[in-house]
Amino acid sequence: MQRAHHDLGGASKFMCEPVDIEPHAPTGFDREVDALRQMLAAKKLMTVDELRRGIEAIPEAEYHRLSYYQRWIRSITDTLLRHGVITETELRAALEGS
């Protein structure tokens, strides 16, 4: 069975970069994304399983380019679009600052 691009558990050290195990404080962006995920879960708009499935569905090149919480926000956005909570037009307007 071939391993998926997001499945790095137990991967040979030659397959991936070293993991930074030093403690670090989350950034403001990290905290906001986590708070958004918690709020969506509390309102029953998104589950942790949907978050995980969305992260695993990110195409390989993009998955490896994005940071941990950038993957979360990509998954959250895709899920909200799929459920009709937001529309692509609303998302574009928000990103353009309108």
C-alpha atoms as a PDB file:
ATOM      1  CA  MET A   1       0.000   0.000   0.000  1.00  0.00           C
ATOM      2  CA  GLN A   2       1.395   3.379  -1.004  1.00  0.00           C
ATOM      3  CA  ARG A   3       1.510   6.060   1.659  1.00  0.00           C
ATOM      4  CA  ALA A   4      -0.466   9.264   1.023  1.00  0.00           C
ATOM      5  CA  HIS A   5       1.479  12.528   0.754  1.00  0.00           C
ATOM      6  CA  HIS A   6       0.156  13.750   4.119  1.00  0.00           C
ATOM      7  CA  ASP A   7       0.976  10.488   5.947  1.00  0.00           C
ATOM      8  CA  LEU A   8       4.449  11.133   7.330  1.00  0.00           C
ATOM      9  CA  GLY A   9       4.178   9.092  10.531  1.00  0.00           C
ATOM     10  CA  GLY A  10       7.055   6.631  10.693  1.00  0.00           C
ATOM     11  CA  ALA A  11       8.525   7.969   7.447  1.00  0.00           C
ATOM     12  CA  SER A  12      12.227   7.500   6.931  1.00  0.00           C
ATOM     13  CA  LYS A  13      14.214  10.518   8.038  1.00  0.00           C
ATOM     14  CA  PHE A  14      15.335  10.830   4.418  1.00  0.00           C
ATOM     15  CA  MET A  15      11.742  11.397   3.225  1.00  0.00           C
ATOM     16  CA  CYS A  16      11.046  14.559   5.173  1.00  0.00           C
ATOM     17  CA  GLU A  17      12.673  17.471   6.918  1.00  0.00           C
ATOM     18  CA  PRO A  18      13.561  17.286  10.610  1.00  0.00           C
ATOM     19  CA  VAL A  19      10.708  18.143  12.942  1.00  0.00           C
ATOM     20  CA  ASP A  20      11.216  21.233  15.085  1.00  0.00           C
ATOM     21  CA  ILE A  21      10.441  19.974  18.578  1.00  0.00           C
ATOM     22  CA  GLU A  22      11.349  23.191  20.375  1.00  0.00           C
ATOM     23  CA  PRO A  23       8.417  24.805  22.210  1.00  0.00           C
ATOM     24  CA  HIS A  24       7.077  27.888  20.466  1.00  0.00           C
ATOM     25  CA  ALA A  25       4.248  30.295  21.082  1.00  0.00           C
ATOM     26  CA  PRO A  26       1.407  30.259  18.584  1.00  0.00           C
ATOM     27  CA  THR A  27       1.143  33.335  16.376  1.00  0.00           C
ATOM     28  CA  GLY A  28      -1.920  35.549  16.313  1.00  0.00           C
ATOM     29  CA  PHE A  29      -2.955  33.850  13.068  1.00  0.00           C
ATOM     30  CA  ASP A  30      -2.602  30.408  14.689  1.00  0.00           C
ATOM     31  CA  ARG A  31      -4.806  31.434  17.623  1.00  0.00           C
ATOM     32  CA  GLU A  32      -7.444  32.986  15.349  1.00  0.00           C
ATOM     33  CA  VAL A  33      -7.665  29.890  13.152  1.00  0.00           C
ATOM     34  CA  ASP A  34      -7.940  27.610  16.180  1.00  0.00           C
ATOM     35  CA  ALA A  35     -10.621  29.863  17.718  1.00  0.00           C
ATOM     36  CA  LEU A  36     -12.565  29.834  14.440  1.00  0.00           C
ATOM     37  CA  ARG A  37     -12.438  26.032  14.305  1.00  0.00           C
ATOM     38  CA  GLN A  38     -13.646  25.793  17.893  1.00  0.00           C
ATOM     39  CA  MET A  39     -16.486  28.250  17.223  1.00  0.00           C
ATOM     40  CA  LEU A  40     -17.588  26.355  14.100  1.00  0.00           C
ATOM     41  CA  ALA A  41     -17.578  23.090  16.059  1.00  0.00           C
ATOM     42  CA  ALA A  42     -19.602  24.652  18.905  1.00  0.00           C
ATOM     43  CA  LYS A  43     -22.175  25.866  16.359  1.00  0.00           C
ATOM     44  CA  LYS A  44     -22.223  22.392  14.745  1.00  0.00           C
ATOM     45  CA  LEU A  45     -21.054  23.833  11.417  1.00  0.00           C
ATOM     46  CA  MET A  46     -17.905  21.720  11.155  1.00  0.00           C
ATOM     47  CA  THR A  47     -16.457  18.633  12.811  1.00  0.00           C
ATOM     48  CA  VAL A  48     -12.836  17.775  13.568  1.00  0.00           C
ATOM     49  CA  ASP A  49     -13.222  14.865  11.149  1.00  0.00           C
ATOM     50  CA  GLU A  50     -14.192  17.288   8.377  1.00  0.00           C
ATOM     51  CA  LEU A  51     -11.145  19.404   9.212  1.00  0.00           C
ATOM     52  CA  ARG A  52      -8.883  16.346   8.953  1.00  0.00           C
ATOM     53  CA  ARG A  53     -10.475  15.105   5.715  1.00  0.00           C
ATOM     54  CA  GLY A  54     -10.159  18.580   4.219  1.00  0.00           C
ATOM     55  CA  ILE A  55      -6.492  18.790   5.145  1.00  0.00           C
ATOM     56  CA  GLU A  56      -5.840  15.355   3.671  1.00  0.00           C
ATOM     57  CA  ALA A  57      -7.578  16.417   0.427  1.00  0.00           C
ATOM     58  CA  ILE A  58      -5.238  19.356  -0.189  1.00  0.00           C
ATOM     59  CA  PRO A  59      -3.178  18.634  -3.313  1.00  0.00           C
ATOM     60  CA  GLU A  60       0.360  17.460  -2.501  1.00  0.00           C
ATOM     61  CA  ALA A  61       2.308  20.492  -3.753  1.00  0.00           C
ATOM     62  CA  GLU A  62       0.050  22.900  -1.896  1.00  0.00           C
ATOM     63  CA  TYR A  63      -0.024  20.713   1.228  1.00  0.00           C
ATOM     64  CA  HIS A  64       3.762  20.845   1.550  1.00  0.00           C
ATOM     65  CA  ARG A  65       3.896  24.584   0.790  1.00  0.00           C
ATOM     66  CA  LEU A  66       1.355  25.543   3.476  1.00  0.00           C
ATOM     67  CA  SER A  67       2.057  25.868   7.169  1.00  0.00           C
ATOM     68  CA  TYR A  68       0.135  23.823   9.743  1.00  0.00           C
ATOM     69  CA  TYR A  69      -2.555  26.437  10.397  1.00  0.00           C
ATOM     70  CA  GLN A  70      -2.682  27.505   6.751  1.00  0.00           C
ATOM     71  CA  ARG A  71      -3.773  23.926   6.028  1.00  0.00           C
ATOM     72  CA  TRP A  72      -6.450  24.316   8.694  1.00  0.00           C
ATOM     73  CA  ILE A  73      -7.815  27.549   7.189  1.00  0.00           C
ATOM     74  CA  ARG A  74      -7.804  26.001   3.704  1.00  0.00           C
ATOM     75  CA  SER A  75      -9.809  23.033   5.025  1.00  0.00           C
ATOM     76  CA  ILE A  76     -12.183  25.298   6.976  1.00  0.00           C
ATOM     77  CA  THR A  77     -12.779  27.480   3.920  1.00  0.00           C
ATOM     78  CA  ASP A  78     -13.434  24.499   1.643  1.00  0.00           C
ATOM     79  CA  THR A  79     -15.853  23.005   4.185  1.00  0.00           C
ATOM     80  CA  LEU A  80     -17.785  26.260   4.640  1.00  0.00           C
ATOM     81  CA  LEU A  81     -18.062  26.650   0.864  1.00  0.00           C
ATOM     82  CA  ARG A  82     -19.221  23.030   0.467  1.00  0.00           C
ATOM     83  CA  HIS A  83     -21.894  23.425   3.171  1.00  0.00           C
ATOM     84  CA  GLY A  84     -23.103  26.736   1.710  1.00  0.00           C
ATOM     85  CA  VAL A  85     -22.241  28.673   4.875  1.00  0.00           C
ATOM     86  CA  ILE A  86     -20.337  31.121   2.671  1.00  0.00           C
ATOM     87  CA  THR A  87     -20.345  31.607  -1.090  1.00  0.00           C
ATOM     88  CA  GLU A  88     -17.388  32.059  -3.410  1.00  0.00           C
ATOM     89  CA  THR A  89     -18.600  35.602  -4.092  1.00  0.00           C
ATOM     90  CA  GLU A  90     -18.611  36.406  -0.368  1.00  0.00           C
ATOM     91  CA  LEU A  91     -15.183  34.863   0.049  1.00  0.00           C
ATOM     92  CA  ARG A  92     -13.742  36.841  -2.867  1.00  0.00           C
ATOM     93  CA  ALA A  93     -15.254  40.068  -1.536  1.00  0.00           C
ATOM     94  CA  ALA A  94     -13.804  39.434   1.931  1.00  0.00           C
ATOM     95  CA  LEU A  95     -10.363  38.676   0.480  1.00  0.00           C
ATOM     96  CA  GLU A  96     -10.482  41.850  -1.610  1.00  0.00           C
ATOM     97  CA  GLY A  97     -11.389  43.859   1.479  1.00  0.00           C
ATOM     98  CA  SER A  98     -14.856  44.842   0.238  1.00  0.00           C
END
